[in-house]
Amino acid sequence: MTAATSFVLPDLLACSSAFKDASSPHWKRASTESRAWVNSYHVFSDRRAAFFSQGQSELLVSHAYVFAEYDEFRTICDFINLLFVLDEISDYQNAGDARATGEPFLRVLRDPEWSDGSKIALLTQDLFNRFLRSAKPNTRRHFVECCETYIEAVVEEARLREAGEILGLEDFIRLRRENSAVRCCFALIAYGLKIDFPDAIFEDPVAKQAYLAGVDMVCWANDLYSYNMERSSGLAGNNIVTVLMQSHNIDIQAASDYAGEHYKKLMDAFLSHKARLQAAGYCDPNVLRYIEAMQHWMIGNIIWSFETPRYFGALRNQIKETLRVPLKPMEEDMDD
């Protein structure tokens, strides 16, 4: 059998036509400030720093948190940049080292006065104290809980990578919800809206299913778009495309098609659950505001993935038009 040289992406943008994209007026100023802030800590080598910068994570924030005022928007930019830093570092670590990387981050979130002087601790301490100025109690608690689960999932991801183990589909979906940091990012929606995180999202089964559908939509879209980059870097074990290929014994194109069909099912479920909440005249208006705001993340993630060279490089406009992704050759590791 001839090895594949390319594959075709599902048209997630067309599938997401029910969502309206927008961009924050704050992003250019916040991008300059946040990029200078994270670079001032010299976390990466020059090569890794260049790769990190080309992702333009602040532009993702512009789409995903269009409703946030400047102070919250800037702090969210810093949080997302820090999450990308943690992700870039842990991707090349074993389980023990991944835990050591995440520990200062968590220690500061639990006690904002704590610091061991490490770059991760100093970054976290600076931005978390700004976060606390306006974050409401439930929002703070929920965000910290999501970050704790995120670090545990990153450690598990590193363990699986060390062992060369690929999870089955259902186990992977549960892990991916956490190690993607999407739930951490979704926790920041309440912060950007200046509301307290509505616990009713997890108490009402319809609201919870809408929330989980939104989380999964971001995860599945991200895995489709990042697969080529992760495959060339030897990191594709933590990707839904790889999981589908192994668990269903299918090729890359069939896995891409499967993921596209599942994404459409998630979209249909999200819209159905949202409509049910609206029709019921749901008693907590913050739940509906929160779920409405989630949509900016789902559509914004897709738009951003083709705006920056992070996943598709110089071919991003061509790939957006044709949806055909030429498979990249394997690359050398980018050591710090």
Protein backbone atom coordinates (compact mmCIF):
# COMPACT_ATOMS: atom_id res chain seq x y z
CA MET A 1 0.00 0.00 0.00
CA THR A 2 1.35 3.43 -0.96
CA ALA A 3 1.85 5.74 2.00
CA ALA A 4 -0.34 8.83 2.02
CA THR A 5 1.31 12.10 1.04
CA SER A 6 -1.64 14.32 1.98
CA PHE A 7 -5.14 14.27 3.42
CA VAL A 8 -8.25 16.41 3.13
CA LEU A 9 -9.68 18.22 6.14
CA PRO A 10 -13.41 18.39 6.83
CA ASP A 11 -14.87 21.85 6.26
CA LEU A 12 -15.38 22.83 9.88
CA LEU A 13 -15.84 26.47 8.96
CA ALA A 14 -18.90 25.66 6.86
CA CYS A 15 -20.16 23.38 9.62
CA SER A 16 -19.87 26.28 12.08
CA SER A 17 -21.87 28.76 10.02
CA ALA A 18 -24.35 29.18 12.90
CA PHE A 19 -21.64 30.99 14.86
CA LYS A 20 -20.62 34.58 14.20
CA ASP A 21 -16.94 35.47 14.41
CA ALA A 22 -15.72 38.79 15.81
CA SER A 23 -12.44 40.32 16.91
CA SER A 24 -11.61 42.41 19.97
CA PRO A 25 -10.52 46.02 19.47
CA HIS A 26 -8.00 45.46 22.27
CA TRP A 27 -5.89 42.76 20.70
CA LYS A 28 -3.16 44.79 18.97
CA ARG A 29 -2.25 46.73 22.10
CA ALA A 30 -2.62 43.68 24.34
CA SER A 31 -0.64 41.53 21.91
CA THR A 32 2.34 43.87 22.00
CA GLU A 33 2.27 44.09 25.78
CA SER A 34 1.64 40.41 26.45
CA ARG A 35 4.32 39.26 23.99
CA ALA A 36 6.86 41.61 25.58
CA TRP A 37 5.80 40.38 29.02
CA VAL A 38 6.29 36.68 28.32
CA ASN A 39 9.51 37.25 26.34
CA SER A 40 11.01 39.25 29.21
CA TYR A 41 11.27 36.01 31.20
CA HIS A 42 13.41 34.29 28.51
CA VAL A 43 11.67 30.94 28.92
CA PHE A 44 12.74 29.50 25.54
CA SER A 45 15.80 29.18 23.37
CA ASP A 46 15.80 31.39 20.26
CA ARG A 47 14.47 28.62 18.00
CA ARG A 48 11.63 27.62 20.30
CA ALA A 49 10.84 31.28 21.03
CA ALA A 50 10.40 31.94 17.30
CA PHE A 51 8.03 28.98 16.98
CA PHE A 52 6.10 30.15 20.04
CA SER A 53 5.76 33.69 18.68
CA GLN A 54 4.46 32.63 15.28
CA GLY A 55 1.42 31.07 16.95
CA GLN A 56 0.07 34.54 17.79
CA SER A 57 -1.97 33.24 20.70
CA GLU A 58 -3.19 36.78 21.45
CA LEU A 59 -5.06 36.70 18.14
CA LEU A 60 -6.86 33.58 19.36
CA VAL A 61 -7.82 35.52 22.49
CA SER A 62 -9.14 38.31 20.25
CA HIS A 63 -11.63 35.93 18.65
CA ALA A 64 -12.44 33.91 21.76
CA TYR A 65 -12.94 36.71 24.31
CA VAL A 66 -14.29 39.51 22.14
CA PHE A 67 -16.62 40.52 24.99
CA ALA A 68 -13.83 41.21 27.53
CA GLU A 69 -12.81 44.73 28.55
CA TYR A 70 -9.14 45.69 28.28
CA ASP A 71 -7.81 44.74 31.73
CA GLU A 72 -9.44 41.31 31.65
CA PHE A 73 -8.51 40.85 27.99
CA ARG A 74 -4.83 41.58 28.65
CA THR A 75 -4.74 39.22 31.65
CA ILE A 76 -6.40 36.48 29.58
CA CYS A 77 -3.74 36.99 26.89
CA ASP A 78 -1.09 36.43 29.54
CA PHE A 79 -2.82 33.29 30.85
CA ILE A 80 -3.15 31.82 27.37
CA ASN A 81 0.49 32.62 26.65
CA LEU A 82 1.49 30.90 29.89
CA LEU A 83 -0.59 27.84 29.00
CA PHE A 84 1.16 27.70 25.61
CA VAL A 85 4.52 27.95 27.42
CA LEU A 86 3.61 25.04 29.70
CA ASP A 87 2.43 23.03 26.71
CA GLU A 88 5.56 23.69 24.65
CA ILE A 89 7.85 22.70 27.53
CA SER A 90 5.94 19.60 28.66
CA ASP A 91 5.54 18.22 25.14
CA TYR A 92 9.18 17.09 25.25
CA GLN A 93 9.32 15.94 28.88
CA ASN A 94 8.82 12.67 30.72
CA ALA A 95 6.13 12.37 33.37
CA GLY A 96 8.37 13.36 36.28
CA ASP A 97 9.72 16.42 34.53
CA ALA A 98 6.25 17.44 33.34
CA ARG A 99 5.04 17.35 36.94
CA ALA A 100 8.03 19.41 38.05
CA THR A 101 7.25 21.98 35.35
CA GLY A 102 3.62 22.25 36.39
CA GLU A 103 4.16 22.28 40.15
CA PRO A 104 5.24 25.96 40.51
CA PHE A 105 2.26 26.99 38.38
CA LEU A 106 -0.14 25.17 40.69
CA ARG A 107 1.58 26.26 43.90
CA VAL A 108 1.09 29.91 42.98
CA LEU A 109 -2.55 29.37 42.03
CA ARG A 110 -3.15 27.83 45.44
CA ASP A 111 -1.15 30.52 47.26
CA PRO A 112 -0.45 33.72 45.26
CA GLU A 113 2.26 34.75 47.74
CA TRP A 114 4.30 31.57 47.17
CA SER A 115 7.31 31.59 44.86
CA ASP A 116 10.42 29.50 44.37
CA GLY A 117 11.92 32.13 42.07
CA SER A 118 11.47 29.97 38.95
CA LYS A 119 10.36 31.58 35.70
CA ILE A 120 7.07 29.67 35.74
CA ALA A 121 6.35 30.77 39.32
CA LEU A 122 7.17 34.41 38.57
CA LEU A 123 5.05 34.46 35.42
CA THR A 124 2.13 32.86 37.22
CA GLN A 125 2.42 35.07 40.28
CA ASP A 126 2.41 38.29 38.26
CA LEU A 127 -0.62 37.52 36.15
CA PHE A 128 -2.61 35.64 38.81
CA ASN A 129 -2.49 38.60 41.17
CA ARG A 130 -3.93 40.73 38.36
CA PHE A 131 -6.59 38.07 37.78
CA LEU A 132 -7.61 38.22 41.43
CA ARG A 133 -8.45 41.93 41.24
CA SER A 134 -11.75 41.23 39.48
CA ALA A 135 -12.23 37.43 39.46
CA LYS A 136 -15.26 36.41 41.48
CA PRO A 137 -15.08 33.55 44.04
CA ASN A 138 -16.63 30.74 41.99
CA THR A 139 -14.67 31.79 38.91
CA ARG A 140 -11.39 31.68 40.84
CA ARG A 141 -12.21 28.30 42.40
CA HIS A 142 -13.31 26.76 39.13
CA PHE A 143 -10.30 28.08 37.23
CA VAL A 144 -7.86 26.71 39.81
CA GLU A 145 -9.62 23.33 39.81
CA CYS A 146 -9.42 23.16 35.99
CA CYS A 147 -5.72 24.02 36.11
CA GLU A 148 -5.07 21.29 38.67
CA THR A 149 -6.81 18.73 36.46
CA TYR A 150 -4.93 20.10 33.43
CA ILE A 151 -1.50 19.53 34.99
CA GLU A 152 -2.45 16.00 36.09
CA ALA A 153 -3.60 15.26 32.53
CA VAL A 154 -0.37 16.69 31.07
CA VAL A 155 1.61 14.38 33.35
CA GLU A 156 -0.51 11.44 32.18
CA GLU A 157 0.07 12.48 28.56
CA ALA A 158 3.83 12.46 29.19
CA ARG A 159 3.59 9.00 30.77
CA LEU A 160 1.72 7.66 27.76
CA ARG A 161 4.26 9.23 25.41
CA GLU A 162 7.12 7.59 27.33
CA ALA A 163 5.38 4.21 27.15
CA GLY A 164 4.44 4.60 23.48
CA GLU A 165 0.84 3.93 24.49
CA ILE A 166 -2.17 5.17 22.50
CA LEU A 167 -5.45 5.31 24.41
CA GLY A 168 -8.76 3.96 23.16
CA LEU A 169 -11.28 6.49 21.90
CA GLU A 170 -13.42 7.03 25.00
CA ASP A 171 -10.45 7.21 27.37
CA PHE A 172 -8.71 9.63 25.02
CA ILE A 173 -11.75 11.92 24.80
CA ARG A 174 -11.81 12.19 28.60
CA LEU A 175 -8.07 12.89 28.79
CA ARG A 176 -8.15 15.35 25.89
CA ARG A 177 -10.78 17.50 27.56
CA GLU A 178 -8.27 18.08 30.32
CA ASN A 179 -4.78 18.07 28.78
CA SER A 180 -5.89 20.42 26.00
CA ALA A 181 -6.42 23.16 28.65
CA VAL A 182 -9.72 23.98 26.92
CA ARG A 183 -11.59 23.75 30.22
CA CYS A 184 -9.08 26.17 31.77
CA CYS A 185 -9.72 28.54 28.88
CA PHE A 186 -13.48 28.13 29.18
CA ALA A 187 -13.22 28.97 32.89
CA LEU A 188 -11.85 32.35 31.84
CA ILE A 189 -15.06 33.13 29.93
CA ALA A 190 -16.78 34.02 33.21
CA TYR A 191 -13.83 36.23 34.13
CA GLY A 192 -14.09 38.04 30.79
CA LEU A 193 -17.85 38.48 31.22
CA LYS A 194 -17.34 39.75 34.80
CA ILE A 195 -19.79 37.19 36.15
CA ASP A 196 -19.28 34.47 38.71
CA PHE A 197 -18.89 31.05 37.16
CA PRO A 198 -22.39 29.53 37.06
CA ASP A 199 -22.18 26.18 38.85
CA ALA A 200 -25.59 25.40 37.36
CA ILE A 201 -23.75 24.45 34.16
CA PHE A 202 -22.74 21.23 35.89
CA GLU A 203 -25.94 20.85 37.89
CA ASP A 204 -28.32 20.98 34.93
CA PRO A 205 -27.85 17.98 32.60
CA VAL A 206 -28.79 19.94 29.46
CA ALA A 207 -26.40 22.80 30.28
CA LYS A 208 -23.65 20.29 31.10
CA GLN A 209 -24.06 18.53 27.76
CA ALA A 210 -23.93 21.85 25.92
CA TYR A 211 -20.73 22.69 27.80
CA LEU A 212 -19.08 19.35 27.04
CA ALA A 213 -20.07 19.53 23.37
CA GLY A 214 -18.37 22.94 23.18
CA VAL A 215 -15.21 21.64 24.86
CA ASP A 216 -15.05 18.66 22.52
CA MET A 217 -15.60 20.81 19.43
CA VAL A 218 -12.51 22.87 20.24
CA CYS A 219 -10.48 19.73 21.02
CA TRP A 220 -11.44 17.85 17.85
CA ALA A 221 -10.91 20.88 15.60
CA ASN A 222 -7.53 21.58 17.18
CA ASP A 223 -6.42 17.98 16.72
CA LEU A 224 -7.40 17.98 13.05
CA TYR A 225 -5.50 21.19 12.41
CA SER A 226 -2.44 20.35 14.52
CA TYR A 227 -2.06 16.73 13.39
CA ASN A 228 0.40 17.40 10.56
CA MET A 229 2.63 19.53 12.78
CA GLU A 230 2.49 17.04 15.66
CA ARG A 231 3.12 14.07 13.38
CA SER A 232 6.25 15.68 11.92
CA SER A 233 7.49 16.42 15.45
CA GLY A 234 6.83 12.89 16.73
CA LEU A 235 4.03 14.05 19.04
CA ALA A 236 0.97 12.67 17.26
CA GLY A 237 0.14 10.10 19.94
CA ASN A 238 -1.89 12.75 21.76
CA ASN A 239 -4.17 13.44 18.80
CA ILE A 240 -7.64 12.23 17.86
CA VAL A 241 -6.52 11.43 14.30
CA THR A 242 -3.92 8.94 15.57
CA VAL A 243 -6.39 7.48 18.08
CA LEU A 244 -9.02 6.95 15.39
CA MET A 245 -6.52 5.37 13.01
CA GLN A 246 -5.45 2.86 15.65
CA SER A 247 -8.77 2.18 17.39
CA HIS A 248 -10.75 1.83 14.14
CA ASN A 249 -7.93 0.40 11.99
CA ILE A 250 -8.43 3.10 9.33
CA ASP A 251 -6.15 5.35 7.31
CA ILE A 252 -5.54 9.03 7.82
CA GLN A 253 -8.22 10.17 5.36
CA ALA A 254 -10.87 7.98 6.93
CA ALA A 255 -9.87 9.31 10.36
CA SER A 256 -10.19 12.90 9.13
CA ASP A 257 -13.61 12.13 7.65
CA TYR A 258 -14.72 10.45 10.89
CA ALA A 259 -13.59 13.45 12.93
CA GLY A 260 -15.51 15.79 10.62
CA GLU A 261 -18.70 13.77 10.98
CA HIS A 262 -18.31 13.68 14.75
CA TYR A 263 -17.72 17.43 14.84
CA LYS A 264 -21.02 17.93 13.02
CA LYS A 265 -22.77 15.74 15.60
CA LEU A 266 -21.23 17.83 18.38
CA MET A 267 -22.43 20.99 16.66
CA ASP A 268 -25.96 19.63 16.33
CA ALA A 269 -25.94 18.57 19.99
CA PHE A 270 -24.67 21.95 21.17
CA LEU A 271 -27.31 23.88 19.22
CA SER A 272 -30.06 21.51 20.37
CA HIS A 273 -29.08 21.79 24.05
CA LYS A 274 -28.79 25.56 23.79
CA ALA A 275 -32.24 25.81 22.19
CA ARG A 276 -33.72 23.67 24.96
CA LEU A 277 -32.28 25.97 27.60
CA GLN A 278 -33.60 29.04 25.81
CA ALA A 279 -37.04 27.54 25.32
CA ALA A 280 -37.27 26.61 28.97
CA GLY A 281 -36.65 30.20 30.05
CA TYR A 282 -33.69 29.01 32.11
CA CYS A 283 -33.71 30.62 35.55
CA ASP A 284 -30.02 31.59 35.69
CA PRO A 285 -29.33 34.15 32.94
CA ASN A 286 -25.58 33.77 33.47
CA VAL A 287 -25.76 30.18 32.19
CA LEU A 288 -27.18 31.37 28.87
CA ARG A 289 -24.70 34.26 28.71
CA TYR A 290 -21.86 31.82 29.34
CA ILE A 291 -23.00 29.29 26.73
CA GLU A 292 -23.54 32.06 24.20
CA ALA A 293 -20.01 33.33 24.87
CA MET A 294 -18.58 29.81 24.39
CA GLN A 295 -19.47 30.09 20.71
CA HIS A 296 -16.74 32.70 20.22
CA TRP A 297 -14.21 30.06 21.25
CA MET A 298 -15.53 27.43 18.85
CA ILE A 299 -15.58 29.64 15.75
CA GLY A 300 -12.56 31.69 16.82
CA ASN A 301 -10.39 28.59 17.15
CA ILE A 302 -11.12 27.68 13.53
CA ILE A 303 -10.50 31.18 12.17
CA TRP A 304 -7.26 31.58 14.13
CA SER A 305 -5.92 28.21 12.97
CA PHE A 306 -5.78 29.54 9.40
CA GLU A 307 -4.74 33.10 10.27
CA THR A 308 -1.38 32.20 11.80
CA PRO A 309 1.43 29.96 10.53
CA ARG A 310 1.41 27.80 13.67
CA TYR A 311 -0.23 24.75 12.08
CA PHE A 312 -0.05 25.23 8.32
CA GLY A 313 2.88 27.60 7.79
CA ALA A 314 3.13 29.42 4.48
CA LEU A 315 0.49 27.10 2.97
CA ARG A 316 -2.28 28.19 5.32
CA ASN A 317 -4.27 30.21 2.75
CA GLN A 318 -3.98 27.43 0.19
CA ILE A 319 -5.05 24.80 2.72
CA LYS A 320 -7.96 26.95 3.87
CA GLU A 321 -9.16 27.10 0.27
CA THR A 322 -8.53 23.49 -0.80
CA LEU A 323 -8.61 21.75 2.63
CA ARG A 324 -5.84 19.46 1.34
CA VAL A 325 -2.90 19.15 3.76
CA PRO A 326 0.44 17.92 2.35
CA LEU A 327 2.10 15.74 4.97
CA LYS A 328 5.31 17.20 6.33
CA PRO A 329 8.54 15.21 6.69
CA MET A 330 9.73 14.30 10.17
CA GLU A 331 11.68 17.08 11.88
CA GLU A 332 14.41 17.24 14.52
CA ASP A 333 13.41 18.11 18.07
CA MET A 334 13.57 21.77 19.08
CA ASP A 335 15.68 21.48 22.22
CA ASP A 336 15.69 24.30 24.74
